[in-house]
Amino acid sequence: MSRLSAALLLLGAILLGGSSALAQSDNDIYNRIEELHGDAAGLDRPLRQLVKAMRSVDAKTIAGLAEYPLTVKANGETYDVENAEDFIDNFDDLVTPETRRAVGRQQYEDLFVNSDGVMLAGGAVWMGAICEDNACEASHWAIIAINN
């Protein structure tokens, strides 16, 4: 085997090995959510509901998962949606088919988590833990932004 072939083989092995090191496990994601936001277990149900609702174009369920006012970027504009009724009435303009497809295919291990919240579909939708009181002793997970 020539030196060039051996070097290319070694480089390929390093790149393949390195890419698996970058992959996150469900446990890594869960722990990161817990560390930054708490109540990682509480995200499971609304996340599953959102993914399913995006697949089936269920505007009412999606509206019920949002925190209002909700900032939505669509069609080059930014909208502050005041309530679920406004969201449902304007759903087709607020949530593009591309966003619905991308969120509908979301896998847990592909979530991105930072101090702002949990990002789905490359930033198309953000969910956050919303405090229910000033001490934040209780919280619930909700859609906090949509970026088509």
N, C-alpha and C. Protein backbone atom coordinates (compact mmCIF):
# COMPACT_ATOMS: atom_id res chain seq x y z
N MET A 1 0.86 -1.17 0.00
CA MET A 1 0.00 0.00 0.00
C MET A 1 0.90 1.23 0.00
N SER A 2 0.58 2.19 -0.84
CA SER A 2 1.38 3.40 -0.92
C SER A 2 1.14 4.27 0.31
N ARG A 3 2.06 5.20 0.55
CA ARG A 3 1.90 6.13 1.68
C ARG A 3 0.63 6.97 1.52
N LEU A 4 0.35 7.39 0.29
CA LEU A 4 -0.84 8.20 0.06
C LEU A 4 -2.10 7.40 0.39
N SER A 5 -2.16 6.15 -0.04
CA SER A 5 -3.33 5.32 0.27
C SER A 5 -3.47 5.11 1.77
N ALA A 6 -2.39 4.87 2.44
CA ALA A 6 -2.42 4.67 3.89
C ALA A 6 -2.86 5.95 4.59
N ALA A 7 -2.37 7.09 4.12
CA ALA A 7 -2.74 8.37 4.73
C ALA A 7 -4.22 8.65 4.53
N LEU A 8 -4.73 8.37 3.33
CA LEU A 8 -6.15 8.58 3.07
C LEU A 8 -7.03 7.64 3.91
N LEU A 9 -6.59 6.41 4.05
CA LEU A 9 -7.32 5.45 4.87
C LEU A 9 -7.35 5.91 6.32
N LEU A 10 -6.22 6.38 6.83
CA LEU A 10 -6.13 6.88 8.20
C LEU A 10 -7.01 8.11 8.39
N LEU A 11 -6.97 9.03 7.42
CA LEU A 11 -7.80 10.23 7.50
C LEU A 11 -9.28 9.86 7.52
N GLY A 12 -9.67 8.92 6.68
CA GLY A 12 -11.06 8.47 6.66
C GLY A 12 -11.48 7.88 7.99
N ALA A 13 -10.60 7.09 8.59
CA ALA A 13 -10.91 6.48 9.89
C ALA A 13 -11.06 7.55 10.97
N ILE A 14 -10.19 8.56 10.92
CA ILE A 14 -10.28 9.65 11.90
C ILE A 14 -11.58 10.41 11.73
N LEU A 15 -11.92 10.73 10.48
CA LEU A 15 -13.15 11.48 10.23
C LEU A 15 -14.38 10.70 10.63
N LEU A 16 -14.42 9.43 10.33
CA LEU A 16 -15.56 8.61 10.71
C LEU A 16 -15.66 8.47 12.22
N GLY A 17 -14.55 8.26 12.86
CA GLY A 17 -14.54 8.15 14.32
C GLY A 17 -14.92 9.45 14.97
N GLY A 18 -14.46 10.55 14.41
CA GLY A 18 -14.76 11.86 14.96
C GLY A 18 -16.22 12.22 14.84
N SER A 19 -16.86 11.82 13.74
CA SER A 19 -18.27 12.18 13.56
C SER A 19 -19.15 11.49 14.59
N SER A 20 -18.81 10.27 14.99
CA SER A 20 -19.61 9.60 16.00
C SER A 20 -19.40 10.23 17.36
N ALA A 21 -18.24 10.85 17.57
CA ALA A 21 -17.99 11.52 18.83
C ALA A 21 -18.85 12.78 18.96
N LEU A 22 -19.27 13.36 17.83
CA LEU A 22 -20.08 14.56 17.86
C LEU A 22 -21.56 14.25 18.06
N ALA A 23 -21.98 13.04 17.76
CA ALA A 23 -23.38 12.67 17.90
C ALA A 23 -23.76 12.68 19.38
N GLN A 24 -24.98 13.13 19.66
CA GLN A 24 -25.45 13.16 21.03
C GLN A 24 -26.45 12.04 21.25
N SER A 25 -26.39 11.47 22.41
CA SER A 25 -27.36 10.44 22.76
C SER A 25 -28.59 11.10 23.38
N ASP A 26 -29.68 10.35 23.43
CA ASP A 26 -30.87 10.86 24.10
C ASP A 26 -30.54 11.27 25.53
N ASN A 27 -29.69 10.50 26.20
CA ASN A 27 -29.31 10.79 27.57
C ASN A 27 -28.54 12.11 27.66
N ASP A 28 -27.65 12.37 26.68
CA ASP A 28 -26.91 13.64 26.65
C ASP A 28 -27.88 14.82 26.52
N ILE A 29 -28.84 14.69 25.62
CA ILE A 29 -29.83 15.75 25.41
C ILE A 29 -30.65 15.96 26.69
N TYR A 30 -31.14 14.88 27.25
CA TYR A 30 -31.93 14.95 28.48
C TYR A 30 -31.15 15.66 29.58
N ASN A 31 -29.91 15.26 29.77
CA ASN A 31 -29.08 15.86 30.83
C ASN A 31 -28.84 17.34 30.58
N ARG A 32 -28.64 17.73 29.33
CA ARG A 32 -28.41 19.14 29.00
C ARG A 32 -29.68 19.95 29.28
N ILE A 33 -30.84 19.43 28.93
CA ILE A 33 -32.10 20.11 29.23
C ILE A 33 -32.26 20.27 30.73
N GLU A 34 -32.01 19.19 31.46
CA GLU A 34 -32.15 19.22 32.92
C GLU A 34 -31.19 20.24 33.53
N GLU A 35 -29.98 20.27 33.05
CA GLU A 35 -28.96 21.19 33.57
C GLU A 35 -29.34 22.66 33.34
N LEU A 36 -29.83 22.97 32.14
CA LEU A 36 -30.10 24.36 31.79
C LEU A 36 -31.51 24.84 32.14
N HIS A 37 -32.49 23.93 32.12
CA HIS A 37 -33.88 24.35 32.28
C HIS A 37 -34.65 23.61 33.36
N GLY A 38 -34.16 22.45 33.76
CA GLY A 38 -34.91 21.63 34.69
C GLY A 38 -36.11 20.99 33.99
N ASP A 39 -36.74 20.08 34.67
CA ASP A 39 -37.94 19.38 34.18
C ASP A 39 -37.80 18.83 32.76
N ALA A 40 -36.68 18.17 32.52
CA ALA A 40 -36.47 17.54 31.21
C ALA A 40 -37.56 16.51 30.91
N ALA A 41 -38.00 15.80 31.93
CA ALA A 41 -39.06 14.81 31.73
C ALA A 41 -40.36 15.46 31.29
N GLY A 42 -40.60 16.69 31.74
CA GLY A 42 -41.81 17.40 31.39
C GLY A 42 -41.88 17.82 29.93
N LEU A 43 -40.75 17.84 29.25
CA LEU A 43 -40.73 18.21 27.82
C LEU A 43 -41.29 17.10 26.95
N ASP A 44 -41.19 15.87 27.38
CA ASP A 44 -41.54 14.73 26.54
C ASP A 44 -42.94 14.82 25.93
N ARG A 45 -43.95 15.01 26.76
CA ARG A 45 -45.33 15.00 26.25
C ARG A 45 -45.60 16.16 25.28
N PRO A 46 -45.29 17.43 25.65
CA PRO A 46 -45.56 18.51 24.68
C PRO A 46 -44.73 18.39 23.40
N LEU A 47 -43.52 17.87 23.50
CA LEU A 47 -42.70 17.67 22.31
C LEU A 47 -43.34 16.65 21.38
N ARG A 48 -43.77 15.53 21.93
CA ARG A 48 -44.44 14.51 21.12
C ARG A 48 -45.73 15.04 20.51
N GLN A 49 -46.49 15.80 21.30
CA GLN A 49 -47.73 16.38 20.79
C GLN A 49 -47.45 17.34 19.64
N LEU A 50 -46.41 18.15 19.78
CA LEU A 50 -46.07 19.11 18.74
C LEU A 50 -45.66 18.41 17.45
N VAL A 51 -44.79 17.42 17.55
CA VAL A 51 -44.33 16.70 16.37
C VAL A 51 -45.52 16.05 15.66
N LYS A 52 -46.38 15.39 16.41
CA LYS A 52 -47.56 14.74 15.83
C LYS A 52 -48.50 15.77 15.21
N ALA A 53 -48.72 16.88 15.90
CA ALA A 53 -49.63 17.92 15.40
C ALA A 53 -49.09 18.57 14.13
N MET A 54 -47.79 18.74 14.04
CA MET A 54 -47.21 19.32 12.82
C MET A 54 -47.39 18.35 11.66
N ARG A 55 -47.23 17.06 11.91
CA ARG A 55 -47.42 16.05 10.85
C ARG A 55 -48.86 16.06 10.33
N SER A 56 -49.81 16.23 11.24
CA SER A 56 -51.22 16.14 10.85
C SER A 56 -51.86 17.50 10.61
N VAL A 57 -51.05 18.56 10.66
CA VAL A 57 -51.51 19.94 10.44
C VAL A 57 -52.69 20.25 11.37
N ASP A 58 -52.46 20.02 12.66
CA ASP A 58 -53.46 20.24 13.70
C ASP A 58 -53.19 21.58 14.37
N ALA A 59 -53.72 22.64 13.78
CA ALA A 59 -53.46 24.01 14.26
C ALA A 59 -53.94 24.20 15.70
N LYS A 60 -55.06 23.59 16.07
CA LYS A 60 -55.60 23.76 17.42
C LYS A 60 -54.65 23.21 18.48
N THR A 61 -54.11 22.04 18.25
CA THR A 61 -53.16 21.45 19.20
C THR A 61 -51.90 22.29 19.29
N ILE A 62 -51.37 22.71 18.14
CA ILE A 62 -50.16 23.53 18.13
C ILE A 62 -50.41 24.83 18.87
N ALA A 63 -51.55 25.46 18.62
CA ALA A 63 -51.90 26.71 19.31
C ALA A 63 -51.95 26.51 20.82
N GLY A 64 -52.46 25.37 21.24
CA GLY A 64 -52.54 25.07 22.67
C GLY A 64 -51.20 24.81 23.33
N LEU A 65 -50.18 24.57 22.53
CA LEU A 65 -48.84 24.31 23.06
C LEU A 65 -47.99 25.58 23.13
N ALA A 66 -48.53 26.70 22.69
CA ALA A 66 -47.75 27.93 22.61
C ALA A 66 -47.97 28.82 23.84
N GLU A 67 -46.94 29.63 24.11
CA GLU A 67 -47.02 30.67 25.14
C GLU A 67 -47.26 31.99 24.41
N TYR A 68 -48.23 32.77 24.89
CA TYR A 68 -48.60 34.01 24.23
C TYR A 68 -48.24 35.21 25.09
N PRO A 69 -47.89 36.33 24.46
CA PRO A 69 -47.80 36.52 23.01
C PRO A 69 -46.66 35.69 22.44
N LEU A 70 -46.85 35.19 21.23
CA LEU A 70 -45.89 34.33 20.56
C LEU A 70 -45.30 35.08 19.37
N THR A 71 -43.97 35.11 19.31
CA THR A 71 -43.30 35.74 18.19
C THR A 71 -43.15 34.72 17.06
N VAL A 72 -43.65 35.10 15.88
CA VAL A 72 -43.58 34.24 14.71
C VAL A 72 -42.95 35.03 13.56
N LYS A 73 -41.91 34.45 12.97
CA LYS A 73 -41.31 35.04 11.78
C LYS A 73 -41.76 34.21 10.59
N ALA A 74 -42.42 34.89 9.65
CA ALA A 74 -42.93 34.21 8.45
C ALA A 74 -43.05 35.23 7.33
N ASN A 75 -42.76 34.78 6.13
CA ASN A 75 -42.92 35.62 4.94
C ASN A 75 -42.14 36.93 5.04
N GLY A 76 -40.97 36.89 5.67
CA GLY A 76 -40.15 38.07 5.80
C GLY A 76 -40.66 39.08 6.82
N GLU A 77 -41.65 38.73 7.58
CA GLU A 77 -42.24 39.61 8.59
C GLU A 77 -42.15 38.97 9.97
N THR A 78 -42.26 39.79 11.00
CA THR A 78 -42.33 39.29 12.37
C THR A 78 -43.69 39.65 12.94
N TYR A 79 -44.36 38.66 13.50
CA TYR A 79 -45.71 38.84 14.05
C TYR A 79 -45.69 38.52 15.54
N ASP A 80 -46.43 39.29 16.31
CA ASP A 80 -46.67 38.98 17.71
C ASP A 80 -48.09 38.47 17.81
N VAL A 81 -48.23 37.17 17.89
CA VAL A 81 -49.55 36.54 17.94
C VAL A 81 -50.02 36.60 19.38
N GLU A 82 -51.17 37.22 19.58
CA GLU A 82 -51.64 37.51 20.94
C GLU A 82 -52.31 36.35 21.65
N ASN A 83 -52.95 35.44 20.89
CA ASN A 83 -53.67 34.36 21.55
C ASN A 83 -53.87 33.18 20.60
N ALA A 84 -54.37 32.10 21.15
CA ALA A 84 -54.55 30.87 20.38
C ALA A 84 -55.52 31.05 19.22
N GLU A 85 -56.57 31.83 19.43
CA GLU A 85 -57.55 32.05 18.37
C GLU A 85 -56.90 32.73 17.16
N ASP A 86 -56.08 33.75 17.41
CA ASP A 86 -55.38 34.42 16.31
C ASP A 86 -54.43 33.46 15.60
N PHE A 87 -53.78 32.61 16.39
CA PHE A 87 -52.86 31.64 15.81
C PHE A 87 -53.60 30.68 14.88
N ILE A 88 -54.71 30.14 15.35
CA ILE A 88 -55.49 29.19 14.55
C ILE A 88 -56.03 29.86 13.29
N ASP A 89 -56.57 31.07 13.45
CA ASP A 89 -57.14 31.78 12.30
C ASP A 89 -56.12 32.07 11.21
N ASN A 90 -54.86 32.24 11.60
CA ASN A 90 -53.81 32.62 10.64
C ASN A 90 -52.75 31.53 10.46
N PHE A 91 -53.09 30.33 10.85
CA PHE A 91 -52.13 29.22 10.88
C PHE A 91 -51.37 29.04 9.57
N ASP A 92 -52.06 29.00 8.45
CA ASP A 92 -51.41 28.74 7.16
C ASP A 92 -50.39 29.81 6.80
N ASP A 93 -50.59 31.03 7.27
CA ASP A 93 -49.63 32.10 7.02
C ASP A 93 -48.50 32.10 8.05
N LEU A 94 -48.77 31.58 9.24
CA LEU A 94 -47.79 31.62 10.33
C LEU A 94 -46.84 30.43 10.36
N VAL A 95 -47.29 29.28 9.86
CA VAL A 95 -46.47 28.07 9.90
C VAL A 95 -46.42 27.48 8.49
N THR A 96 -45.27 27.61 7.87
CA THR A 96 -45.14 27.16 6.48
C THR A 96 -45.14 25.63 6.38
N PRO A 97 -45.49 25.11 5.21
CA PRO A 97 -45.42 23.66 5.01
C PRO A 97 -44.02 23.11 5.27
N GLU A 98 -42.98 23.87 4.94
CA GLU A 98 -41.60 23.40 5.18
C GLU A 98 -41.33 23.25 6.68
N THR A 99 -41.82 24.21 7.46
CA THR A 99 -41.65 24.12 8.92
C THR A 99 -42.44 22.94 9.47
N ARG A 100 -43.65 22.75 8.98
CA ARG A 100 -44.47 21.62 9.46
C ARG A 100 -43.78 20.29 9.16
N ARG A 101 -43.23 20.17 7.94
CA ARG A 101 -42.54 18.92 7.58
C ARG A 101 -41.29 18.72 8.44
N ALA A 102 -40.50 19.76 8.62
CA ALA A 102 -39.26 19.64 9.38
C ALA A 102 -39.53 19.28 10.84
N VAL A 103 -40.48 19.94 11.46
CA VAL A 103 -40.80 19.65 12.86
C VAL A 103 -41.46 18.27 12.96
N GLY A 104 -42.24 17.90 11.96
CA GLY A 104 -42.88 16.59 11.95
C GLY A 104 -41.90 15.44 11.87
N ARG A 105 -40.68 15.71 11.43
CA ARG A 105 -39.64 14.68 11.35
C ARG A 105 -38.63 14.78 12.50
N GLN A 106 -38.87 15.66 13.45
CA GLN A 106 -37.91 15.89 14.53
C GLN A 106 -37.66 14.62 15.35
N GLN A 107 -36.39 14.36 15.61
CA GLN A 107 -35.97 13.25 16.46
C GLN A 107 -35.36 13.83 17.74
N TYR A 108 -35.57 13.18 18.84
CA TYR A 108 -35.09 13.68 20.13
C TYR A 108 -33.58 13.92 20.11
N GLU A 109 -32.83 12.98 19.54
CA GLU A 109 -31.37 13.10 19.55
C GLU A 109 -30.87 14.24 18.66
N ASP A 110 -31.75 14.82 17.85
CA ASP A 110 -31.37 15.94 17.00
C ASP A 110 -31.75 17.30 17.57
N LEU A 111 -32.31 17.31 18.78
CA LEU A 111 -32.63 18.58 19.42
C LEU A 111 -31.34 19.33 19.74
N PHE A 112 -31.43 20.64 19.74
CA PHE A 112 -30.32 21.49 20.16
C PHE A 112 -30.79 22.24 21.40
N VAL A 113 -29.96 22.26 22.42
CA VAL A 113 -30.34 22.87 23.69
C VAL A 113 -29.32 23.94 24.07
N ASN A 114 -29.82 25.13 24.39
CA ASN A 114 -28.96 26.15 24.97
C ASN A 114 -29.76 26.89 26.03
N SER A 115 -29.20 27.97 26.55
CA SER A 115 -29.87 28.67 27.64
C SER A 115 -31.17 29.35 27.20
N ASP A 116 -31.38 29.51 25.89
CA ASP A 116 -32.62 30.11 25.39
C ASP A 116 -33.77 29.12 25.37
N GLY A 117 -33.47 27.84 25.24
CA GLY A 117 -34.52 26.83 25.17
C GLY A 117 -34.08 25.62 24.38
N VAL A 118 -35.04 24.93 23.81
CA VAL A 118 -34.81 23.72 23.03
C VAL A 118 -35.23 24.02 21.59
N MET A 119 -34.28 23.84 20.68
CA MET A 119 -34.49 24.16 19.27
C MET A 119 -34.88 22.91 18.50
N LEU A 120 -35.93 23.04 17.70
CA LEU A 120 -36.38 21.96 16.82
C LEU A 120 -36.17 22.39 15.38
N ALA A 121 -35.93 21.41 14.53
CA ALA A 121 -35.88 21.62 13.08
C ALA A 121 -34.97 22.77 12.67
N GLY A 122 -33.76 22.76 13.21
CA GLY A 122 -32.78 23.76 12.82
C GLY A 122 -33.16 25.18 13.17
N GLY A 123 -33.99 25.37 14.18
CA GLY A 123 -34.38 26.71 14.61
C GLY A 123 -35.75 27.14 14.16
N ALA A 124 -36.47 26.26 13.45
CA ALA A 124 -37.81 26.62 12.98
C ALA A 124 -38.77 26.83 14.16
N VAL A 125 -38.58 26.08 15.22
CA VAL A 125 -39.42 26.20 16.41
C VAL A 125 -38.53 26.11 17.65
N TRP A 126 -38.83 26.96 18.62
CA TRP A 126 -38.15 26.92 19.92
C TRP A 126 -39.18 26.64 21.00
N MET A 127 -38.82 25.76 21.94
CA MET A 127 -39.65 25.50 23.11
C MET A 127 -38.86 25.91 24.34
N GLY A 128 -39.58 26.37 25.34
CA GLY A 128 -38.93 26.77 26.57
C GLY A 128 -39.75 26.37 27.78
N ALA A 129 -39.07 26.31 28.92
CA ALA A 129 -39.73 26.03 30.18
C ALA A 129 -40.24 27.37 30.73
N ILE A 130 -41.54 27.52 30.87
CA ILE A 130 -42.17 28.76 31.29
C ILE A 130 -42.50 28.67 32.78
N CYS A 131 -41.94 29.58 33.55
CA CYS A 131 -42.20 29.61 34.99
C CYS A 131 -43.65 30.00 35.25
N GLU A 132 -44.24 29.33 36.20
CA GLU A 132 -45.64 29.60 36.54
C GLU A 132 -45.78 30.55 37.72
N ASP A 133 -44.67 30.87 38.38
CA ASP A 133 -44.69 31.84 39.47
C ASP A 133 -43.31 32.51 39.54
N ASN A 134 -43.19 33.54 40.37
CA ASN A 134 -41.93 34.29 40.46
C ASN A 134 -40.77 33.45 40.94
N ALA A 135 -41.02 32.50 41.80
CA ALA A 135 -39.96 31.63 42.32
C ALA A 135 -39.61 30.52 41.35
N CYS A 136 -40.41 30.34 40.33
CA CYS A 136 -40.24 29.30 39.32
C CYS A 136 -40.17 27.91 39.95
N GLU A 137 -41.02 27.72 40.96
CA GLU A 137 -41.10 26.41 41.59
C GLU A 137 -41.84 25.41 40.71
N ALA A 138 -42.65 25.94 39.81
CA ALA A 138 -43.37 25.10 38.85
C ALA A 138 -43.23 25.74 37.47
N SER A 139 -43.14 24.89 36.46
CA SER A 139 -43.03 25.40 35.09
C SER A 139 -43.73 24.43 34.14
N HIS A 140 -43.94 24.90 32.93
CA HIS A 140 -44.50 24.05 31.88
C HIS A 140 -43.75 24.36 30.59
N TRP A 141 -43.69 23.39 29.70
CA TRP A 141 -43.01 23.56 28.42
C TRP A 141 -43.98 24.09 27.38
N ALA A 142 -43.52 25.06 26.59
CA ALA A 142 -44.38 25.66 25.56
C ALA A 142 -43.53 26.13 24.39
N ILE A 143 -44.19 26.31 23.25
CA ILE A 143 -43.54 26.92 22.08
C ILE A 143 -43.33 28.39 22.44
N ILE A 144 -42.10 28.88 22.28
CA ILE A 144 -41.81 30.27 22.60
C ILE A 144 -41.46 31.10 21.36
N ALA A 145 -41.22 30.46 20.23
CA ALA A 145 -40.93 31.17 18.98
C ALA A 145 -41.06 30.23 17.80
N ILE A 146 -41.49 30.79 16.68
CA ILE A 146 -41.53 30.06 15.41
C ILE A 146 -40.80 30.93 14.39
N ASN A 147 -39.84 30.32 13.71
CA ASN A 147 -39.02 31.03 12.72
C ASN A 147 -39.05 30.28 11.39
N ASN A 148 -39.99 30.60 10.55
CA ASN A 148 -40.09 29.95 9.25
C ASN A 148 -38.96 30.42 8.35
